[in-house]
């Protein structure tokens, strides 16, 4: 019944810091849609952005900044990801380490966004 993920919603406490992280550090494209709503686009997916206490309805029952644990597949080697993160001043919290992804083994690094969400960036192992 389910084919793929279209988008997910990230709730932030600091819209400017969140936009800066996902665009400058992770290289996602910022887009505006609807009545001034914002999203981060990458590949065929996007992350819609909600600001705490200004969420759009319908929404999660308890929208909370820092509650996500996201894993992204890189479009370049993990060594290049680590270099780019370092150049952007983003601290790697753990890795590289081996993990199990949706389709098999992956090699990952972990960092946090400004809200404390855990961000995993991976490559197939």
PDB file of N, CA and C in Angstrom:
ATOM      1  N   UNK A   1       0.816  -1.196   0.000  1.00  0.00           N
ATOM      2  CA  UNK A   1       0.000   0.000   0.000  1.00  0.00           C
ATOM      3  C   UNK A   1       0.865   1.268   0.000  1.00  0.00           C
ATOM      4  N   UNK A   2       2.016   1.263   0.679  1.00  0.00           N
ATOM      5  CA  UNK A   2       2.877   2.441   0.732  1.00  0.00           C
ATOM      6  C   UNK A   2       4.060   2.227  -0.196  1.00  0.00           C
ATOM      7  N   UNK A   3       4.341   3.205  -1.063  1.00  0.00           N
ATOM      8  CA  UNK A   3       5.442   3.106  -2.030  1.00  0.00           C
ATOM      9  C   UNK A   3       6.692   3.816  -1.572  1.00  0.00           C
ATOM     10  N   UNK A   4       6.562   5.026  -1.031  1.00  0.00           N
ATOM     11  CA  UNK A   4       7.743   5.793  -0.637  1.00  0.00           C
ATOM     12  C   UNK A   4       7.331   6.935   0.282  1.00  0.00           C
ATOM     13  N   UNK A   5       8.344   7.589   0.832  1.00  0.00           N
ATOM     14  CA  UNK A   5       8.116   8.765   1.670  1.00  0.00           C
ATOM     15  C   UNK A   5       8.119  10.001   0.780  1.00  0.00           C
ATOM     16  N   UNK A   6       7.096  10.829   0.874  1.00  0.00           N
ATOM     17  CA  UNK A   6       7.019  12.070   0.103  1.00  0.00           C
ATOM     18  C   UNK A   6       7.673  13.226   0.864  1.00  0.00           C
ATOM     19  N   UNK A   7       7.261  13.412   2.113  1.00  0.00           N
ATOM     20  CA  UNK A   7       7.833  14.459   2.945  1.00  0.00           C
ATOM     21  C   UNK A   7       7.601  14.120   4.410  1.00  0.00           C
ATOM     22  N   UNK A   8       8.311  14.815   5.260  1.00  0.00           N
ATOM     23  CA  UNK A   8       8.061  14.747   6.693  1.00  0.00           C
ATOM     24  C   UNK A   8       8.082  16.173   7.201  1.00  0.00           C
ATOM     25  N   UNK A   9       7.666  16.364   8.448  1.00  0.00           N
ATOM     26  CA  UNK A   9       7.588  17.703   9.018  1.00  0.00           C
ATOM     27  C   UNK A   9       8.556  17.803  10.189  1.00  0.00           C
ATOM     28  N   UNK A  10       9.349  18.844  10.176  1.00  0.00           N
ATOM     29  CA  UNK A  10      10.300  19.140  11.239  1.00  0.00           C
ATOM     30  C   UNK A  10       9.801  20.386  11.955  1.00  0.00           C
ATOM     31  N   UNK A  11       9.713  20.314  13.277  1.00  0.00           N
ATOM     32  CA  UNK A  11       9.320  21.469  14.077  1.00  0.00           C
ATOM     33  C   UNK A  11      10.578  22.072  14.696  1.00  0.00           C
ATOM     34  N   UNK A  12      10.736  23.378  14.536  1.00  0.00           N
ATOM     35  CA  UNK A  12      11.919  24.066  15.047  1.00  0.00           C
ATOM     36  C   UNK A  12      11.542  25.145  16.048  1.00  0.00           C
ATOM     37  N   UNK A  13      12.462  25.416  16.963  1.00  0.00           N
ATOM     38  CA  UNK A  13      12.298  26.533  17.896  1.00  0.00           C
ATOM     39  C   UNK A  13      12.956  27.794  17.357  1.00  0.00           C
ATOM     40  N   UNK A  14      13.848  27.637  16.361  1.00  0.00           N
ATOM     41  CA  UNK A  14      14.604  28.770  15.819  1.00  0.00           C
ATOM     42  C   UNK A  14      14.647  28.640  14.296  1.00  0.00           C
ATOM     43  N   UNK A  15      13.702  29.287  13.638  1.00  0.00           N
ATOM     44  CA  UNK A  15      13.556  29.149  12.190  1.00  0.00           C
ATOM     45  C   UNK A  15      14.826  29.548  11.432  1.00  0.00           C
ATOM     46  N   UNK A  16      15.432  30.668  11.795  1.00  0.00           N
ATOM     47  CA  UNK A  16      16.622  31.138  11.077  1.00  0.00           C
ATOM     48  C   UNK A  16      17.785  30.160  11.217  1.00  0.00           C
ATOM     49  N   UNK A  17      18.039  29.673  12.424  1.00  0.00           N
ATOM     50  CA  UNK A  17      19.135  28.718  12.637  1.00  0.00           C
ATOM     51  C   UNK A  17      18.869  27.405  11.914  1.00  0.00           C
ATOM     52  N   UNK A  18      17.631  26.980  11.910  1.00  0.00           N
ATOM     53  CA  UNK A  18      17.249  25.745  11.224  1.00  0.00           C
ATOM     54  C   UNK A  18      17.472  25.879   9.717  1.00  0.00           C
ATOM     55  N   UNK A  19      17.022  26.976   9.140  1.00  0.00           N
ATOM     56  CA  UNK A  19      17.195  27.206   7.700  1.00  0.00           C
ATOM     57  C   UNK A  19      18.676  27.261   7.356  1.00  0.00           C
ATOM     58  N   UNK A  20      19.460  27.932   8.170  1.00  0.00           N
ATOM     59  CA  UNK A  20      20.892  28.039   7.913  1.00  0.00           C
ATOM     60  C   UNK A  20      21.547  26.657   7.933  1.00  0.00           C
ATOM     61  N   UNK A  21      21.195  25.819   8.886  1.00  0.00           N
ATOM     62  CA  UNK A  21      21.786  24.486   8.992  1.00  0.00           C
ATOM     63  C   UNK A  21      21.423  23.610   7.791  1.00  0.00           C
ATOM     64  N   UNK A  22      20.141  23.513   7.475  1.00  0.00           N
ATOM     65  CA  UNK A  22      19.719  22.590   6.416  1.00  0.00           C
ATOM     66  C   UNK A  22      20.119  23.074   5.024  1.00  0.00           C
ATOM     67  N   UNK A  23      20.265  24.382   4.842  1.00  0.00           N
ATOM     68  CA  UNK A  23      20.686  24.881   3.529  1.00  0.00           C
ATOM     69  C   UNK A  23      22.204  24.986   3.421  1.00  0.00           C
ATOM     70  N   UNK A  24      22.853  25.690   4.347  1.00  0.00           N
ATOM     71  CA  UNK A  24      24.300  25.895   4.239  1.00  0.00           C
ATOM     72  C   UNK A  24      25.095  24.652   4.601  1.00  0.00           C
ATOM     73  N   UNK A  25      24.758  23.998   5.706  1.00  0.00           N
ATOM     74  CA  UNK A  25      25.536  22.845   6.177  1.00  0.00           C
ATOM     75  C   UNK A  25      25.202  21.590   5.383  1.00  0.00           C
ATOM     76  N   UNK A  26      23.910  21.296   5.203  1.00  0.00           N
ATOM     77  CA  UNK A  26      23.531  20.066   4.505  1.00  0.00           C
ATOM     78  C   UNK A  26      23.292  20.258   3.012  1.00  0.00           C
ATOM     79  N   UNK A  27      23.223  21.491   2.545  1.00  0.00           N
ATOM     80  CA  UNK A  27      23.091  21.745   1.114  1.00  0.00           C
ATOM     81  C   UNK A  27      21.715  21.521   0.526  1.00  0.00           C
ATOM     82  N   UNK A  28      20.683  21.528   1.343  1.00  0.00           N
ATOM     83  CA  UNK A  28      19.321  21.367   0.831  1.00  0.00           C
ATOM     84  C   UNK A  28      18.827  22.695   0.276  1.00  0.00           C
ATOM     85  N   UNK A  29      17.874  22.630  -0.627  1.00  0.00           N
ATOM     86  CA  UNK A  29      17.297  23.830  -1.235  1.00  0.00           C
ATOM     87  C   UNK A  29      16.086  24.276  -0.423  1.00  0.00           C
ATOM     88  N   UNK A  30      16.025  25.559  -0.104  1.00  0.00           N
ATOM     89  CA  UNK A  30      14.872  26.120   0.599  1.00  0.00           C
ATOM     90  C   UNK A  30      13.827  26.496  -0.430  1.00  0.00           C
ATOM     91  N   UNK A  31      12.602  26.063  -0.210  1.00  0.00           N
ATOM     92  CA  UNK A  31      11.511  26.469  -1.104  1.00  0.00           C
ATOM     93  C   UNK A  31      10.359  26.997  -0.282  1.00  0.00           C
ATOM     94  N   UNK A  32       9.607  27.897  -0.889  1.00  0.00           N
ATOM     95  CA  UNK A  32       8.402  28.443  -0.276  1.00  0.00           C
ATOM     96  C   UNK A  32       7.221  27.948  -1.082  1.00  0.00           C
ATOM     97  N   UNK A  33       6.164  27.540  -0.389  1.00  0.00           N
ATOM     98  CA  UNK A  33       4.967  27.034  -1.077  1.00  0.00           C
ATOM     99  C   UNK A  33       3.739  27.458  -0.295  1.00  0.00           C
ATOM    100  N   UNK A  34       2.570  27.293  -0.915  1.00  0.00           N
ATOM    101  CA  UNK A  34       1.317  27.635  -0.243  1.00  0.00           C
ATOM    102  C   UNK A  34       1.322  29.080   0.220  1.00  0.00           C
ATOM    103  N   UNK A  35       0.789  29.290   1.406  1.00  0.00           N
ATOM    104  CA  UNK A  35       0.684  30.634   1.984  1.00  0.00           C
ATOM    105  C   UNK A  35       1.912  30.945   2.825  1.00  0.00           C
ATOM    106  N   UNK A  36       3.077  30.974   2.171  1.00  0.00           N
ATOM    107  CA  UNK A  36       4.306  31.313   2.866  1.00  0.00           C
ATOM    108  C   UNK A  36       4.945  30.187   3.650  1.00  0.00           C
ATOM    109  N   UNK A  37       4.506  28.953   3.405  1.00  0.00           N
ATOM    110  CA  UNK A  37       5.124  27.811   4.083  1.00  0.00           C
ATOM    111  C   UNK A  37       6.497  27.549   3.497  1.00  0.00           C
ATOM    112  N   UNK A  38       7.372  26.908   4.286  1.00  0.00           N
ATOM    113  CA  UNK A  38       8.740  26.633   3.841  1.00  0.00           C
ATOM    114  C   UNK A  38       9.054  25.156   3.946  1.00  0.00           C
ATOM    115  N   UNK A  39       9.986  24.736   3.084  1.00  0.00           N
ATOM    116  CA  UNK A  39      10.415  23.333   3.077  1.00  0.00           C
ATOM    117  C   UNK A  39      11.846  23.260   2.579  1.00  0.00           C
ATOM    118  N   UNK A  40      12.516  22.187   2.951  1.00  0.00           N
ATOM    119  CA  UNK A  40      13.859  21.884   2.450  1.00  0.00           C
ATOM    120  C   UNK A  40      13.717  20.756   1.445  1.00  0.00           C
ATOM    121  N   UNK A  41      14.199  20.982   0.220  1.00  0.00           N
ATOM    122  CA  UNK A  41      14.086  19.978  -0.831  1.00  0.00           C
ATOM    123  C   UNK A  41      15.449  19.351  -1.074  1.00  0.00           C
ATOM    124  N   UNK A  42      15.431  18.029  -1.266  1.00  0.00           N
ATOM    125  CA  UNK A  42      16.631  17.269  -1.622  1.00  0.00           C
ATOM    126  C   UNK A  42      16.145  16.039  -2.378  1.00  0.00           C
ATOM    127  N   UNK A  43      16.765  15.761  -3.527  1.00  0.00           N
ATOM    128  CA  UNK A  43      16.309  14.630  -4.343  1.00  0.00           C
ATOM    129  C   UNK A  43      14.832  14.764  -4.658  1.00  0.00           C
ATOM    130  N   UNK A  44      14.087  13.680  -4.466  1.00  0.00           N
ATOM    131  CA  UNK A  44      12.647  13.673  -4.716  1.00  0.00           C
ATOM    132  C   UNK A  44      11.837  13.835  -3.430  1.00  0.00           C
ATOM    133  N   UNK A  45      12.487  14.273  -2.360  1.00  0.00           N
ATOM    134  CA  UNK A  45      11.813  14.400  -1.080  1.00  0.00           C
ATOM    135  C   UNK A  45      11.923  15.838  -0.572  1.00  0.00           C
ATOM    136  N   UNK A  46      11.161  16.087   0.501  1.00  0.00           N
ATOM    137  CA  UNK A  46      11.297  17.378   1.155  1.00  0.00           C
ATOM    138  C   UNK A  46      10.941  17.241   2.627  1.00  0.00           C
ATOM    139  N   UNK A  47      11.425  18.218   3.374  1.00  0.00           N
ATOM    140  CA  UNK A  47      11.103  18.337   4.792  1.00  0.00           C
ATOM    141  C   UNK A  47      10.349  19.646   4.950  1.00  0.00           C
ATOM    142  N   UNK A  48       9.075  19.556   5.317  1.00  0.00           N
ATOM    143  CA  UNK A  48       8.307  20.770   5.578  1.00  0.00           C
ATOM    144  C   UNK A  48       8.710  21.310   6.938  1.00  0.00           C
ATOM    145  N   UNK A  49       8.744  22.627   7.052  1.00  0.00           N
ATOM    146  CA  UNK A  49       9.190  23.285   8.270  1.00  0.00           C
ATOM    147  C   UNK A  49       8.018  23.900   9.017  1.00  0.00           C
ATOM    148  N   UNK A  50       7.904  23.555  10.290  1.00  0.00           N
ATOM    149  CA  UNK A  50       6.950  24.190  11.192  1.00  0.00           C
ATOM    150  C   UNK A  50       7.740  24.887  12.281  1.00  0.00           C
ATOM    151  N   UNK A  51       7.271  26.035  12.709  1.00  0.00           N
ATOM    152  CA  UNK A  51       7.880  26.757  13.828  1.00  0.00           C
ATOM    153  C   UNK A  51       7.031  26.483  15.064  1.00  0.00           C
ATOM    154  N   UNK A  52       7.693  26.109  16.162  1.00  0.00           N
ATOM    155  CA  UNK A  52       7.000  25.784  17.415  1.00  0.00           C
ATOM    156  C   UNK A  52       5.985  26.864  17.771  1.00  0.00           C
ATOM    157  N   UNK A  53       4.781  26.434  18.083  1.00  0.00           N
ATOM    158  CA  UNK A  53       3.641  27.276  18.456  1.00  0.00           C
ATOM    159  C   UNK A  53       3.061  28.060  17.289  1.00  0.00           C
ATOM    160  N   UNK A  54       3.564  27.820  16.068  1.00  0.00           N
ATOM    161  CA  UNK A  54       2.987  28.424  14.855  1.00  0.00           C
ATOM    162  C   UNK A  54       2.816  27.351  13.784  1.00  0.00           C
ATOM    163  N   UNK A  55       2.539  26.115  14.215  1.00  0.00           N
ATOM    164  CA  UNK A  55       2.408  24.993  13.279  1.00  0.00           C
ATOM    165  C   UNK A  55       1.165  25.141  12.413  1.00  0.00           C
ATOM    166  N   UNK A  56       1.196  24.449  11.286  1.00  0.00           N
ATOM    167  CA  UNK A  56       0.048  24.400  10.392  1.00  0.00           C
ATOM    168  C   UNK A  56      -0.801  23.186  10.751  1.00  0.00           C
ATOM    169  N   UNK A  57      -2.117  23.313  10.646  1.00  0.00           N
ATOM    170  CA  UNK A  57      -3.029  22.195  10.906  1.00  0.00           C
ATOM    171  C   UNK A  57      -3.325  21.453   9.622  1.00  0.00           C
ATOM    172  N   UNK A  58      -3.525  20.146   9.701  1.00  0.00           N
ATOM    173  CA  UNK A  58      -3.338  19.318  10.886  1.00  0.00           C
ATOM    174  C   UNK A  58      -1.861  19.119  11.177  1.00  0.00           C
ATOM    175  N   UNK A  59      -1.570  18.777  12.415  1.00  0.00           N
ATOM    176  CA  UNK A  59      -0.177  18.611  12.843  1.00  0.00           C
ATOM    177  C   UNK A  59      -0.093  17.435  13.795  1.00  0.00           C
ATOM    178  N   UNK A  60       1.131  17.079  14.155  1.00  0.00           N
ATOM    179  CA  UNK A  60       1.333  16.014  15.139  1.00  0.00           C
ATOM    180  C   UNK A  60       0.648  16.403  16.450  1.00  0.00           C
ATOM    181  N   UNK A  61       0.295  15.418  17.230  1.00  0.00           N
ATOM    182  CA  UNK A  61      -0.387  15.704  18.494  1.00  0.00           C
ATOM    183  C   UNK A  61       0.485  16.547  19.421  1.00  0.00           C
ATOM    184  N   UNK A  62       1.783  16.253  19.472  1.00  0.00           N
ATOM    185  CA  UNK A  62       2.702  17.005  20.336  1.00  0.00           C
ATOM    186  C   UNK A  62       3.940  17.376  19.515  1.00  0.00           C
ATOM    187  N   UNK A  63       3.851  18.410  18.654  1.00  0.00           N
ATOM    188  CA  UNK A  63       5.024  18.804  17.875  1.00  0.00           C
ATOM    189  C   UNK A  63       6.137  19.281  18.798  1.00  0.00           C
ATOM    190  N   UNK A  64       7.344  18.773  18.581  1.00  0.00           N
ATOM    191  CA  UNK A  64       8.424  19.044  19.521  1.00  0.00           C
ATOM    192  C   UNK A  64       9.751  19.217  18.800  1.00  0.00           C
ATOM    193  N   UNK A  65      10.398  20.375  18.930  1.00  0.00           N
ATOM    194  CA  UNK A  65      11.749  20.518  18.378  1.00  0.00           C
ATOM    195  C   UNK A  65      12.701  19.517  19.036  1.00  0.00           C
ATOM    196  N   UNK A  66      13.584  18.947  18.247  1.00  0.00           N
ATOM    197  CA  UNK A  66      14.598  18.049  18.772  1.00  0.00           C
ATOM    198  C   UNK A  66      14.172  16.617  18.970  1.00  0.00           C
ATOM    199  N   UNK A  67      12.998  16.231  18.480  1.00  0.00           N
ATOM    200  CA  UNK A  67      12.495  14.877  18.708  1.00  0.00           C
ATOM    201  C   UNK A  67      12.767  13.918  17.549  1.00  0.00           C
ATOM    202  N   UNK A  68      13.411  14.390  16.478  1.00  0.00           N
ATOM    203  CA  UNK A  68      13.619  13.538  15.303  1.00  0.00           C
ATOM    204  C   UNK A  68      14.993  12.889  15.293  1.00  0.00           C
ATOM    205  N   UNK A  69      15.045  11.737  14.661  1.00  0.00           N
ATOM    206  CA  UNK A  69      16.274  11.002  14.399  1.00  0.00           C
ATOM    207  C   UNK A  69      16.197  10.659  12.918  1.00  0.00           C
ATOM    208  N   UNK A  70      16.955  11.391  12.087  1.00  0.00           N
ATOM    209  CA  UNK A  70      16.843  11.273  10.634  1.00  0.00           C
ATOM    210  C   UNK A  70      18.110  10.694  10.037  1.00  0.00           C
ATOM    211  N   UNK A  71      17.951   9.835   9.040  1.00  0.00           N
ATOM    212  CA  UNK A  71      19.099   9.282   8.325  1.00  0.00           C
ATOM    213  C   UNK A  71      18.972   9.658   6.853  1.00  0.00           C
ATOM    214  N   UNK A  72      20.004  10.311   6.325  1.00  0.00           N
ATOM    215  CA  UNK A  72      20.057  10.714   4.925  1.00  0.00           C
ATOM    216  C   UNK A  72      21.148   9.925   4.209  1.00  0.00           C
ATOM    217  N   UNK A  73      20.903   9.561   2.966  1.00  0.00           N
ATOM    218  CA  UNK A  73      21.923   8.945   2.128  1.00  0.00           C
ATOM    219  C   UNK A  73      22.642  10.047   1.372  1.00  0.00           C
ATOM    220  N   UNK A  74      23.963  10.050   1.447  1.00  0.00           N
ATOM    221  CA  UNK A  74      24.778  11.070   0.791  1.00  0.00           C
ATOM    222  C   UNK A  74      24.849  10.812  -0.710  1.00  0.00           C
ATOM    223  N   UNK A  75      25.074  11.880  -1.478  1.00  0.00           N
ATOM    224  CA  UNK A  75      25.263  11.751  -2.923  1.00  0.00           C
ATOM    225  C   UNK A  75      26.744  11.828  -3.295  1.00  0.00           C
ATOM    226  N   UNK A  76      27.615  11.720  -2.282  1.00  0.00           N
ATOM    227  CA  UNK A  76      29.064  11.728  -2.490  1.00  0.00           C
ATOM    228  C   UNK A  76      29.674  10.815  -1.432  1.00  0.00           C
ATOM    229  N   UNK A  77      30.958  10.462  -1.569  1.00  0.00           N
ATOM    230  CA  UNK A  77      31.592   9.598  -0.571  1.00  0.00           C
ATOM    231  C   UNK A  77      31.543  10.214   0.833  1.00  0.00           C
ATOM    232  N   UNK A  78      31.490   9.359   1.842  1.00  0.00           N
ATOM    233  CA  UNK A  78      31.385   9.822   3.219  1.00  0.00           C
ATOM    234  C   UNK A  78      32.575  10.694   3.626  1.00  0.00           C
ATOM    235  N   UNK A  79      33.743  10.436   3.078  1.00  0.00           N
ATOM    236  CA  UNK A  79      34.901  11.282   3.371  1.00  0.00           C
ATOM    237  C   UNK A  79      34.658  12.721   2.918  1.00  0.00           C
ATOM    238  N   UNK A  80      34.010  12.879   1.767  1.00  0.00           N
ATOM    239  CA  UNK A  80      33.659  14.214   1.264  1.00  0.00           C
ATOM    240  C   UNK A  80      32.617  14.859   2.170  1.00  0.00           C
ATOM    241  N   UNK A  81      31.648  14.080   2.641  1.00  0.00           N
ATOM    242  CA  UNK A  81      30.650  14.588   3.586  1.00  0.00           C
ATOM    243  C   UNK A  81      31.345  15.119   4.831  1.00  0.00           C
ATOM    244  N   UNK A  82      32.266  14.335   5.379  1.00  0.00           N
ATOM    245  CA  UNK A  82      32.966  14.753   6.594  1.00  0.00           C
ATOM    246  C   UNK A  82      33.780  16.021   6.356  1.00  0.00           C
ATOM    247  N   UNK A  83      34.414  16.129   5.207  1.00  0.00           N
ATOM    248  CA  UNK A  83      35.173  17.338   4.878  1.00  0.00           C
ATOM    249  C   UNK A  83      34.253  18.547   4.807  1.00  0.00           C
ATOM    250  N   UNK A  84      33.134  18.390   4.104  1.00  0.00           N
ATOM    251  CA  UNK A  84      32.180  19.501   3.973  1.00  0.00           C
ATOM    252  C   UNK A  84      31.602  19.911   5.327  1.00  0.00           C
ATOM    253  N   UNK A  85      31.278  18.933   6.162  1.00  0.00           N
ATOM    254  CA  UNK A  85      30.761  19.254   7.493  1.00  0.00           C
ATOM    255  C   UNK A  85      31.803  20.030   8.290  1.00  0.00           C
ATOM    256  N   UNK A  86      33.051  19.587   8.222  1.00  0.00           N
ATOM    257  CA  UNK A  86      34.133  20.294   8.910  1.00  0.00           C
ATOM    258  C   UNK A  86      34.298  21.704   8.392  1.00  0.00           C
ATOM    259  N   UNK A  87      34.252  21.866   7.062  1.00  0.00           N
ATOM    260  CA  UNK A  87      34.373  23.200   6.460  1.00  0.00           C
ATOM    261  C   UNK A  87      33.234  24.118   6.907  1.00  0.00           C
ATOM    262  N   UNK A  88      32.050  23.529   7.161  1.00  0.00           N
ATOM    263  CA  UNK A  88      30.885  24.312   7.583  1.00  0.00           C
ATOM    264  C   UNK A  88      30.860  24.545   9.091  1.00  0.00           C
ATOM    265  N   UNK A  89      31.835  23.971   9.805  1.00  0.00           N
ATOM    266  CA  UNK A  89      31.876  24.151  11.249  1.00  0.00           C
ATOM    267  C   UNK A  89      30.926  23.252  12.012  1.00  0.00           C
ATOM    268  N   UNK A  90      30.440  22.199  11.367  1.00  0.00           N
ATOM    269  CA  UNK A  90      29.519  21.264  12.018  1.00  0.00           C
ATOM    270  C   UNK A  90      30.315  20.134  12.669  1.00  0.00           C
ATOM    271  N   UNK A  91      30.050  19.881  13.920  1.00  0.00           N
ATOM    272  CA  UNK A  91      30.777  18.856  14.671  1.00  0.00           C
ATOM    273  C   UNK A  91      30.151  17.482  14.471  1.00  0.00           C
ATOM    274  N   UNK A  92      30.979  16.528  14.101  1.00  0.00           N
ATOM    275  CA  UNK A  92      30.521  15.142  14.010  1.00  0.00           C
ATOM    276  C   UNK A  92      30.526  14.574  15.419  1.00  0.00           C
ATOM    277  N   UNK A  93      29.388  14.045  15.834  1.00  0.00           N
ATOM    278  CA  UNK A  93      29.237  13.505  17.185  1.00  0.00           C
ATOM    279  C   UNK A  93      29.736  12.064  17.273  1.00  0.00           C
ATOM    280  N   UNK A  94      29.566  11.315  16.193  1.00  0.00           N
ATOM    281  CA  UNK A  94      30.000   9.923  16.175  1.00  0.00           C
ATOM    282  C   UNK A  94      30.243   9.491  14.742  1.00  0.00           C
ATOM    283  N   UNK A  95      31.221   8.623  14.575  1.00  0.00           N
ATOM    284  CA  UNK A  95      31.441   8.029  13.270  1.00  0.00           C
ATOM    285  C   UNK A  95      32.742   8.447  12.639  1.00  0.00           C
ATOM    286  N   UNK A  96      33.030   7.783  11.521  1.00  0.00           N
ATOM    287  CA  UNK A  96      32.140   6.864  10.815  1.00  0.00           C
ATOM    288  C   UNK A  96      32.000   5.511  11.521  1.00  0.00           C
ATOM    289  N   UNK A  97      30.786   4.983  11.459  1.00  0.00           N
ATOM    290  CA  UNK A  97      30.450   3.694  12.058  1.00  0.00           C
ATOM    291  C   UNK A  97      29.579   2.906  11.075  1.00  0.00           C
ATOM    292  N   UNK A  98      29.594   1.593  11.229  1.00  0.00           N
ATOM    293  CA  UNK A  98      28.752   0.724  10.404  1.00  0.00           C
ATOM    294  C   UNK A  98      27.374   0.604  11.048  1.00  0.00           C
ATOM    295  N   UNK A  99      26.352   0.663  10.210  1.00  0.00           N
ATOM    296  CA  UNK A  99      24.972   0.517  10.655  1.00  0.00           C
ATOM    297  C   UNK A  99      24.210  -0.318   9.627  1.00  0.00           C
ATOM    298  N   UNK A 100      22.943  -0.556   9.885  1.00  0.00           N
ATOM    299  CA  UNK A 100      22.083  -1.255   8.936  1.00  0.00           C
ATOM    300  C   UNK A 100      21.030  -0.285   8.449  1.00  0.00           C
ATOM    301  N   UNK A 101      21.014  -0.031   7.145  1.00  0.00           N
ATOM    302  CA  UNK A 101      20.027   0.858   6.551  1.00  0.00           C
ATOM    303  C   UNK A 101      18.834   0.085   6.034  1.00  0.00           C
ATOM    304  N   UNK A 102      17.959   0.777   5.323  1.00  0.00           N
ATOM    305  CA  UNK A 102      16.732   0.166   4.807  1.00  0.00           C
ATOM    306  C   UNK A 102      17.006  -0.920   3.780  1.00  0.00           C
ATOM    307  N   UNK A 103      18.110  -0.785   3.024  1.00  0.00           N
ATOM    308  CA  UNK A 103      18.384  -1.771   1.963  1.00  0.00           C
ATOM    309  C   UNK A 103      19.673  -2.550   2.185  1.00  0.00           C
ATOM    310  N   UNK A 104      20.321  -2.364   3.344  1.00  0.00           N
ATOM    311  CA  UNK A 104      21.539  -3.112   3.616  1.00  0.00           C
ATOM    312  C   UNK A 104      22.507  -2.323   4.472  1.00  0.00           C
ATOM    313  N   UNK A 105      23.752  -2.794   4.535  1.00  0.00           N
ATOM    314  CA  UNK A 105      24.747  -2.134   5.379  1.00  0.00           C
ATOM    315  C   UNK A 105      25.065  -0.718   4.896  1.00  0.00           C
ATOM    316  N   UNK A 106      25.248   0.187   5.847  1.00  0.00           N
ATOM    317  CA  UNK A 106      25.635   1.567   5.555  1.00  0.00           C
ATOM    318  C   UNK A 106      26.759   1.981   6.500  1.00  0.00           C
ATOM    319  N   UNK A 107      27.491   2.973   6.084  1.00  0.00           N
ATOM    320  CA  UNK A 107      28.552   3.587   6.896  1.00  0.00           C
ATOM    321  C   UNK A 107      28.094   5.011   7.174  1.00  0.00           C
ATOM    322  N   UNK A 108      28.087   5.413   8.447  1.00  0.00           N
ATOM    323  CA  UNK A 108      27.415   6.649   8.851  1.00  0.00           C
ATOM    324  C   UNK A 108      28.252   7.544   9.745  1.00  0.00           C
ATOM    325  N   UNK A 109      27.936   8.836   9.688  1.00  0.00           N
ATOM    326  CA  UNK A 109      28.384   9.813  10.678  1.00  0.00           C
ATOM    327  C   UNK A 109      27.140  10.467  11.258  1.00  0.00           C
ATOM    328  N   UNK A 110      27.269  10.926  12.507  1.00  0.00           N
ATOM    329  CA  UNK A 110      26.157  11.537  13.224  1.00  0.00           C
ATOM    330  C   UNK A 110      26.523  12.952  13.656  1.00  0.00           C
ATOM    331  N   UNK A 111      25.539  13.842  13.579  1.00  0.00           N
ATOM    332  CA  UNK A 111      25.666  15.198  14.086  1.00  0.00           C
ATOM    333  C   UNK A 111      24.287  15.660  14.528  1.00  0.00           C
ATOM    334  N   UNK A 112      24.212  16.854  15.069  1.00  0.00           N
ATOM    335  CA  UNK A 112      22.924  17.387  15.534  1.00  0.00           C
ATOM    336  C   UNK A 112      22.622  18.705  14.841  1.00  0.00           C
ATOM    337  N   UNK A 113      21.337  18.918  14.581  1.00  0.00           N
ATOM    338  CA  UNK A 113      20.922  20.217  14.041  1.00  0.00           C
ATOM    339  C   UNK A 113      20.739  21.184  15.210  1.00  0.00           C
ATOM    340  N   UNK A 114      20.427  22.461  14.950  1.00  0.00           N
ATOM    341  CA  UNK A 114      20.319  23.441  16.041  1.00  0.00           C
ATOM    342  C   UNK A 114      19.257  23.121  17.097  1.00  0.00           C
ATOM    343  N   UNK A 115      18.247  22.322  16.745  1.00  0.00           N
ATOM    344  CA  UNK A 115      17.218  21.944  17.716  1.00  0.00           C
ATOM    345  C   UNK A 115      17.587  20.692  18.498  1.00  0.00           C
ATOM    346  N   UNK A 116      18.695  20.032  18.136  1.00  0.00           N
ATOM    347  CA  UNK A 116      19.104  18.809  18.815  1.00  0.00           C
ATOM    348  C   UNK A 116      18.639  17.543  18.129  1.00  0.00           C
ATOM    349  N   UNK A 117      17.964  17.663  16.971  1.00  0.00           N
ATOM    350  CA  UNK A 117      17.606  16.460  16.222  1.00  0.00           C
ATOM    351  C   UNK A 117      18.876  15.724  15.836  1.00  0.00           C
ATOM    352  N   UNK A 118      18.838  14.390  15.890  1.00  0.00           N
ATOM    353  CA  UNK A 118      19.991  13.582  15.515  1.00  0.00           C
ATOM    354  C   UNK A 118      19.961  13.391  13.995  1.00  0.00           C
ATOM    355  N   UNK A 119      21.050  13.770  13.347  1.00  0.00           N
ATOM    356  CA  UNK A 119      21.168  13.676  11.891  1.00  0.00           C
ATOM    357  C   UNK A 119      22.238  12.644  11.573  1.00  0.00           C
ATOM    358  N   UNK A 120      21.861  11.616  10.839  1.00  0.00           N
ATOM    359  CA  UNK A 120      22.780  10.581  10.383  1.00  0.00           C
ATOM    360  C   UNK A 120      22.951  10.751   8.878  1.00  0.00           C
ATOM    361  N   UNK A 121      24.188  10.797   8.421  1.00  0.00           N
ATOM    362  CA  UNK A 121      24.461  10.873   6.987  1.00  0.00           C
ATOM    363  C   UNK A 121      25.257   9.628   6.634  1.00  0.00           C
ATOM    364  N   UNK A 122      24.793   8.915   5.611  1.00  0.00           N
ATOM    365  CA  UNK A 122      25.324   7.584   5.318  1.00  0.00           C
ATOM    366  C   UNK A 122      25.647   7.376   3.862  1.00  0.00           C
ATOM    367  N   UNK A 123      26.467   6.348   3.639  1.00  0.00           N
ATOM    368  CA  UNK A 123      26.737   5.834   2.306  1.00  0.00           C
ATOM    369  C   UNK A 123      26.579   4.324   2.356  1.00  0.00           C
ATOM    370  N   UNK A 124      26.199   3.701   1.250  1.00  0.00           N
ATOM    371  CA  UNK A 124      26.143   2.241   1.242  1.00  0.00           C
ATOM    372  C   UNK A 124      27.527   1.674   1.541  1.00  0.00           C
ATOM    373  N   UNK A 125      27.577   0.596   2.343  1.00  0.00           N
ATOM    374  CA  UNK A 125      28.853  -0.013   2.693  1.00  0.00           C
ATOM    375  C   UNK A 125      29.231  -1.079   1.666  1.00  0.00           C
TER     376      UNK A 125
END
